[in-house]
Protein backbone atom coordinates (compact mmCIF):
# COMPACT_ATOMS: atom_id res chain seq x y z
CA MET A 1 -71.94 -53.28 89.79
CA SER A 2 -72.72 -52.89 86.21
CA THR A 3 -70.15 -51.88 83.64
CA SER A 4 -71.24 -49.26 81.21
CA ARG A 5 -69.83 -49.40 77.74
CA ILE A 6 -69.77 -46.47 75.41
CA ALA A 7 -69.99 -47.42 71.82
CA VAL A 8 -67.99 -45.20 69.50
CA GLN A 9 -69.36 -45.06 66.06
CA ASP A 10 -67.11 -44.32 62.97
CA GLN A 11 -67.66 -40.83 61.65
CA PRO A 12 -67.50 -40.26 57.87
CA ALA A 13 -64.36 -38.33 56.54
CA THR A 14 -64.94 -34.66 56.00
CA ASP A 15 -64.01 -32.64 52.86
CA ALA A 16 -61.16 -30.97 54.73
CA ASP A 17 -59.57 -34.30 55.49
CA ALA A 18 -59.84 -35.37 51.86
CA ALA A 19 -58.26 -32.15 50.63
CA SER A 20 -55.41 -32.48 53.11
CA THR A 21 -54.73 -36.01 51.97
CA ALA A 22 -54.70 -34.96 48.30
CA THR A 23 -52.31 -32.11 49.01
CA GLU A 24 -49.90 -34.38 50.81
CA THR A 25 -50.02 -36.83 47.94
CA THR A 26 -49.35 -34.09 45.35
CA ALA A 27 -46.51 -32.65 47.39
CA ALA A 28 -44.94 -36.04 47.70
CA SER A 29 -45.28 -36.57 43.95
CA SER A 30 -43.82 -33.14 43.09
CA SER A 31 -40.94 -33.68 45.45
CA GLY A 32 -40.23 -36.94 43.78
CA ASP A 33 -40.31 -35.34 40.30
CA VAL A 34 -37.92 -32.54 41.30
CA ALA A 35 -35.56 -35.03 42.85
CA GLY A 36 -35.69 -37.12 39.72
CA TRP A 37 -35.07 -34.09 37.45
CA VAL A 38 -32.15 -32.94 39.59
CA SER A 39 -30.70 -36.42 39.54
CA GLU A 40 -31.12 -36.67 35.77
CA ALA A 41 -29.58 -33.22 35.19
CA THR A 42 -26.69 -34.07 37.46
CA ASN A 43 -26.07 -37.27 35.56
CA GLN A 44 -26.14 -35.40 32.24
CA LEU A 45 -23.71 -32.78 33.51
CA VAL A 46 -21.38 -35.46 34.74
CA ASP A 47 -21.58 -37.22 31.36
CA LEU A 48 -20.89 -33.95 29.53
CA ALA A 49 -17.99 -33.14 31.82
CA VAL A 50 -16.51 -36.57 31.30
CA ALA A 51 -17.00 -36.33 27.53
CA TYR A 52 -15.81 -32.75 27.03
CA ALA A 53 -13.22 -32.34 29.77
CA PRO A 54 -10.36 -33.61 27.58
CA ARG A 55 -11.47 -31.35 24.72
CA LEU A 56 -11.77 -28.32 26.96
CA GLY A 57 -8.40 -28.99 28.55
CA LEU A 58 -6.72 -29.43 25.16
CA ALA A 59 -8.45 -26.34 23.74
CA LEU A 60 -7.38 -24.25 26.73
CA LEU A 61 -3.80 -25.49 26.37
CA VAL A 62 -3.79 -24.68 22.65
CA LEU A 63 -5.24 -21.23 23.34
CA VAL A 64 -2.58 -20.35 25.92
CA ILE A 65 0.33 -21.67 23.86
CA GLY A 66 -1.01 -20.14 20.64
CA TRP A 67 -1.46 -16.75 22.30
CA ILE A 68 2.15 -16.79 23.49
CA VAL A 69 3.46 -17.90 20.08
CA ILE A 70 1.48 -15.15 18.34
CA GLY A 71 3.06 -12.60 20.67
CA PHE A 72 6.54 -13.81 19.67
CA MET A 73 5.58 -13.78 15.98
CA GLN A 74 4.20 -10.24 16.20
CA ARG A 75 7.40 -8.98 17.80
CA GLY A 76 9.42 -10.80 15.14
CA ILE A 77 7.40 -9.17 12.37
CA ASN A 78 7.96 -5.73 13.91
CA ARG A 79 11.69 -6.43 14.18
CA ILE A 80 11.95 -7.56 10.55
CA LEU A 81 10.04 -4.49 9.32
CA SER A 82 12.27 -2.18 11.36
CA MET A 83 15.38 -3.84 9.87
CA ARG A 84 14.09 -2.99 6.40
CA SER A 85 13.96 0.72 7.31
CA ILE A 86 10.19 0.85 7.00
CA ASP A 87 8.41 3.77 8.59
CA PRO A 88 7.76 2.89 12.27
CA THR A 89 4.08 3.84 12.00
CA VAL A 90 3.54 1.47 9.09
CA GLY A 91 5.62 -1.24 10.74
CA ASN A 92 3.60 -1.13 13.96
CA PHE A 93 0.33 -1.09 12.03
CA LEU A 94 1.28 -4.10 9.90
CA GLY A 95 2.44 -5.96 13.00
CA SER A 96 -0.87 -5.25 14.75
CA VAL A 97 -2.90 -6.36 11.73
CA ALA A 98 -0.92 -9.59 11.50
CA GLY A 99 -1.38 -10.22 15.24
CA ILE A 100 -5.14 -9.64 15.08
CA ALA A 101 -5.52 -11.94 12.09
CA LEU A 102 -3.55 -14.71 13.79
CA LYS A 103 -5.54 -14.36 17.02
CA VAL A 104 -8.87 -14.56 15.16
CA MET A 105 -7.69 -17.73 13.42
CA LEU A 106 -6.58 -19.15 16.78
CA LEU A 107 -9.95 -18.45 18.43
CA LEU A 108 -11.83 -20.06 15.54
CA SER A 109 -9.59 -23.12 15.73
CA VAL A 110 -10.12 -23.44 19.49
CA ALA A 111 -13.90 -23.08 19.06
CA GLY A 112 -13.83 -25.85 16.48
CA MET A 113 -11.88 -28.10 18.86
CA VAL A 114 -14.61 -27.92 21.51
CA GLY A 115 -17.33 -28.73 18.99
CA VAL A 116 -18.62 -25.23 18.15
CA GLU A 117 -19.72 -24.84 14.54
CA VAL A 118 -17.53 -22.06 13.15
CA THR A 119 -18.80 -22.07 9.57
CA SER A 120 -21.44 -19.46 10.32
CA PHE A 121 -18.90 -17.24 12.10
CA ILE A 122 -16.55 -17.44 9.13
CA ALA A 123 -19.38 -16.54 6.75
CA ILE A 124 -20.38 -13.52 8.86
CA LEU A 125 -16.77 -12.38 9.16
CA SER A 126 -16.23 -12.73 5.41
CA ALA A 127 -19.38 -10.75 4.63
CA ALA A 128 -18.39 -7.99 7.05
CA THR A 129 -14.89 -7.83 5.61
CA LEU A 130 -16.27 -7.61 2.07
CA ALA A 131 -18.69 -4.83 3.03
CA ILE A 132 -15.97 -2.81 4.73
CA GLY A 133 -13.63 -3.34 1.79
CA MET A 134 -16.24 -2.13 -0.71
CA ALA A 135 -17.06 0.93 1.40
CA LEU A 136 -13.41 1.90 1.81
CA LYS A 137 -12.17 0.78 -1.59
CA GLY A 138 -10.42 4.03 -2.55
CA THR A 139 -8.96 4.64 0.88
CA LEU A 140 -7.72 1.07 1.23
CA SER A 141 -6.14 1.16 -2.24
CA ASN A 142 -4.25 4.33 -1.31
CA PHE A 143 -3.22 2.74 1.98
CA ALA A 144 -2.00 -0.37 0.16
CA GLY A 145 -0.09 1.84 -2.25
CA GLY A 146 1.53 3.67 0.67
CA VAL A 147 2.54 0.40 2.31
CA SER A 148 3.98 -0.79 -1.01
CA VAL A 149 5.99 2.42 -1.41
CA MET A 150 7.35 2.23 2.12
CA ILE A 151 8.30 -1.44 1.80
CA PHE A 152 9.86 -1.50 -1.68
CA ARG A 153 11.21 2.08 -1.56
CA PRO A 154 10.99 3.03 -5.28
CA TYR A 155 11.74 6.60 -4.18
CA LYS A 156 12.61 8.49 -1.01
CA VAL A 157 12.31 11.98 0.36
CA GLY A 158 14.43 14.35 -1.75
CA ASP A 159 14.23 12.34 -5.00
CA PHE A 160 12.97 14.01 -8.16
CA ILE A 161 10.26 11.79 -9.62
CA GLU A 162 7.60 11.82 -12.30
CA GLY A 163 4.42 9.88 -11.61
CA GLY A 164 0.67 10.25 -11.45
CA GLY A 165 0.84 12.87 -14.19
CA HIS A 166 3.10 15.20 -12.17
CA SER A 167 6.79 15.72 -11.50
CA GLY A 168 8.69 17.27 -8.63
CA SER A 169 10.89 16.64 -5.62
CA VAL A 170 9.49 14.31 -2.95
CA LYS A 171 8.83 16.35 0.16
CA GLU A 172 6.95 13.79 2.24
CA ILE A 173 5.76 10.19 1.95
CA GLN A 174 2.50 9.72 3.86
CA ILE A 175 0.50 6.55 4.38
CA PHE A 176 -2.18 7.64 1.88
CA ASN A 177 -0.45 10.30 -0.25
CA THR A 178 2.90 11.46 -1.55
CA VAL A 179 3.67 15.19 -1.37
CA LEU A 180 5.77 16.73 -4.17
CA THR A 181 7.28 20.18 -4.48
CA THR A 182 7.72 21.55 -8.01
CA GLY A 183 10.50 23.81 -9.26
CA ASP A 184 8.26 26.87 -8.96
CA ASN A 185 7.45 25.92 -5.33
CA ARG A 186 4.00 24.43 -5.85
CA THR A 187 2.87 21.59 -3.59
CA ILE A 188 1.27 18.59 -5.30
CA ILE A 189 -0.44 15.83 -3.32
CA ILE A 190 -0.69 12.57 -5.26
CA PRO A 191 -2.66 9.52 -3.99
CA ASN A 192 -0.28 6.62 -3.46
CA ASN A 193 -2.50 4.32 -5.52
CA ALA A 194 -1.85 6.45 -8.62
CA ILE A 195 1.90 6.11 -8.13
CA SER A 196 2.07 2.45 -7.08
CA THR A 197 -0.14 1.22 -9.96
CA GLY A 198 1.19 3.51 -12.70
CA SER A 199 4.48 4.30 -14.37
CA LEU A 200 7.09 6.02 -12.25
CA ILE A 201 10.27 7.77 -13.32
CA ASN A 202 12.87 8.40 -10.63
CA TYR A 203 15.52 10.79 -11.88
CA SER A 204 17.56 10.60 -8.68
CA ILE A 205 18.36 6.89 -8.40
CA GLN A 206 21.32 6.87 -10.81
CA SER A 207 24.39 8.83 -9.79
CA THR A 208 25.11 9.98 -13.37
CA ARG A 209 22.92 11.17 -16.23
CA ARG A 210 23.43 11.78 -19.93
CA VAL A 211 22.85 15.21 -21.42
CA GLN A 212 21.77 15.47 -25.06
CA ILE A 213 21.75 18.72 -27.00
CA ASP A 214 20.63 18.90 -30.63
CA VAL A 215 21.84 21.82 -32.71
CA GLY A 216 21.67 22.47 -36.44
CA ILE A 217 24.39 24.01 -38.63
CA GLY A 218 24.17 25.22 -42.22
CA TYR A 219 24.86 22.94 -45.15
CA GLU A 220 27.64 25.30 -46.24
CA ASP A 221 29.39 25.04 -42.84
CA ASP A 222 32.24 22.66 -42.00
CA ILE A 223 31.02 19.71 -39.88
CA ASP A 224 34.51 18.88 -38.56
CA LYS A 225 35.02 22.49 -37.49
CA ALA A 226 31.74 22.49 -35.58
CA ARG A 227 32.64 19.14 -33.97
CA ASP A 228 36.05 20.40 -32.81
CA ILE A 229 34.50 23.53 -31.30
CA VAL A 230 32.08 21.49 -29.22
CA LYS A 231 34.68 18.93 -28.13
CA ASN A 232 37.07 21.67 -26.99
CA LEU A 233 34.32 23.19 -24.89
CA LEU A 234 33.55 19.85 -23.27
CA ALA A 235 37.20 18.95 -22.66
CA ALA A 236 37.76 22.18 -20.73
CA ASP A 237 34.88 21.54 -18.32
CA ALA A 238 35.64 19.38 -15.26
CA ARG A 239 31.95 18.55 -14.85
CA ILE A 240 31.95 16.52 -18.06
CA HIS A 241 32.90 12.86 -17.64
CA THR A 242 35.54 11.41 -19.92
CA ASP A 243 34.19 7.87 -19.51
CA PRO A 244 31.96 7.40 -21.39
CA GLU A 245 33.58 9.76 -23.87
CA PRO A 246 31.49 12.71 -25.11
CA MET A 247 29.94 12.15 -28.51
CA VAL A 248 29.41 14.75 -31.26
CA VAL A 249 27.87 13.22 -34.40
CA VAL A 250 25.57 14.09 -37.26
CA GLY A 251 22.13 12.92 -36.23
CA ALA A 252 20.21 13.78 -39.40
CA LEU A 253 20.21 15.85 -42.55
CA GLY A 254 17.29 18.15 -42.06
CA ALA A 255 15.34 20.20 -44.55
CA SER A 256 17.38 23.34 -43.90
CA SER A 257 20.22 22.23 -41.60
CA VAL A 258 22.68 19.53 -40.70
CA ASP A 259 21.48 18.32 -37.31
CA VAL A 260 24.36 17.69 -34.88
CA VAL A 261 23.74 15.52 -31.79
CA ILE A 262 25.88 16.28 -28.73
CA ARG A 263 25.88 13.76 -25.86
CA PHE A 264 27.93 13.75 -22.68
CA TRP A 265 27.68 12.38 -19.13
CA VAL A 266 27.62 14.35 -15.89
CA ASP A 267 26.79 13.80 -12.23
CA GLY A 268 23.07 13.70 -11.51
CA GLY A 269 23.16 17.06 -9.75
CA ASP A 270 24.84 18.72 -12.74
CA PHE A 271 22.26 17.64 -15.31
CA TRP A 272 20.19 20.81 -15.53
CA PRO A 273 23.04 23.30 -14.93
CA THR A 274 25.15 21.83 -17.74
CA THR A 275 22.15 21.54 -20.07
CA PHE A 276 21.30 25.22 -19.72
CA ASP A 277 24.98 26.23 -19.72
CA TYR A 278 25.91 24.45 -22.95
CA ASN A 279 22.92 25.70 -24.89
CA GLU A 280 24.40 29.15 -24.37
CA ARG A 281 28.08 28.20 -24.74
CA ILE A 282 27.60 26.38 -28.04
CA LYS A 283 25.63 29.28 -29.51
CA LYS A 284 28.30 31.81 -28.53
CA ALA A 285 31.18 29.58 -29.72
CA PHE A 286 29.52 28.99 -33.11
CA ASP A 287 28.85 32.70 -33.54
CA ALA A 288 32.49 33.51 -32.72
CA ALA A 289 33.76 30.90 -35.21
CA GLY A 290 31.34 31.91 -37.95
CA VAL A 291 29.33 28.66 -37.87
CA ASN A 292 25.75 29.38 -38.79
CA ILE A 293 22.76 27.98 -36.93
CA PRO A 294 19.94 28.09 -39.48
CA TYR A 295 16.45 29.10 -38.58
CA PRO A 296 13.29 28.83 -40.66
CA GLN A 297 13.25 31.34 -43.53
CA GLN A 298 10.96 31.94 -46.43
CA VAL A 299 12.29 33.27 -49.74
CA VAL A 300 9.77 34.74 -52.21
CA ARG A 301 10.74 35.08 -55.87
CA TYR A 302 8.79 36.86 -58.56
CA VAL A 303 8.96 35.18 -61.95
CA GLY A 304 8.31 37.30 -65.06
CA GLU A 305 8.08 41.04 -65.77
CA PRO A 306 5.97 43.17 -63.53
CA ALA A 307 2.82 44.43 -65.11
CA GLY A 308 3.06 47.86 -66.76
CA ASP A 309 1.39 50.94 -65.50
CA PRO A 310 -2.16 51.33 -66.72
CA ALA A 311 -2.66 53.97 -69.43
């Protein structure tokens, strides 16, 4: 019995087989690249974590502690301002501004601790602050003046002051303006910057004030008699202080009168009443005693004979 053998000949590889092989090779290569990239990224993250973990931990600790300390400082500032009898609105605002400024400084410090470049942030913040300040220059100056007035208290509601080119009783002190009421019941609103940066006269701070009245008498009148009349008037008035003692002296020898200066001290509230009162009292007392108060006169004299009548 014969054995038949079937010879199997090698067939050449087709294009499909070649493409499949190339795809498998590429996939294997890509998988290897991704694995390598992931491994490299993981290593870098681990290195960064190891390098920056202490910084981040310290920065977080500083941030938490600093935030708590700033809270205590802000409450302390508010308490100090309230103890100085500053307006509550201004006190709260100043406390908030101080808290915000401290928190911004804290955040910049923490950013610098973790390696963030803060120079650019500071430059941007400075430029923004400058721009805002220039745009609100007038308003901010009035606000600063109001804060200065409320902190240093050069005057208070009810005082009679002269400032900013006006005078009157203080009706209200606002954050940007001061409201005055004049004697004829006009309301004047003065920007606080004009008062805080200029001269200010407060007539209500001192408890006593000195009244001065100048009156002239004739050269033919008796100076001692006029002095005694005035002193008797002052001695009989309980509003006039005896210490310092009232003063009645000759202030000057004028062109047509002997100028007598009368000075005496009264309580601040009696300044205007006594001033008006004694202008009248002195005039009436001098008239009753025959003491003249000269006034400007013009005497015309004709020298020579009048011209005769024409023929």
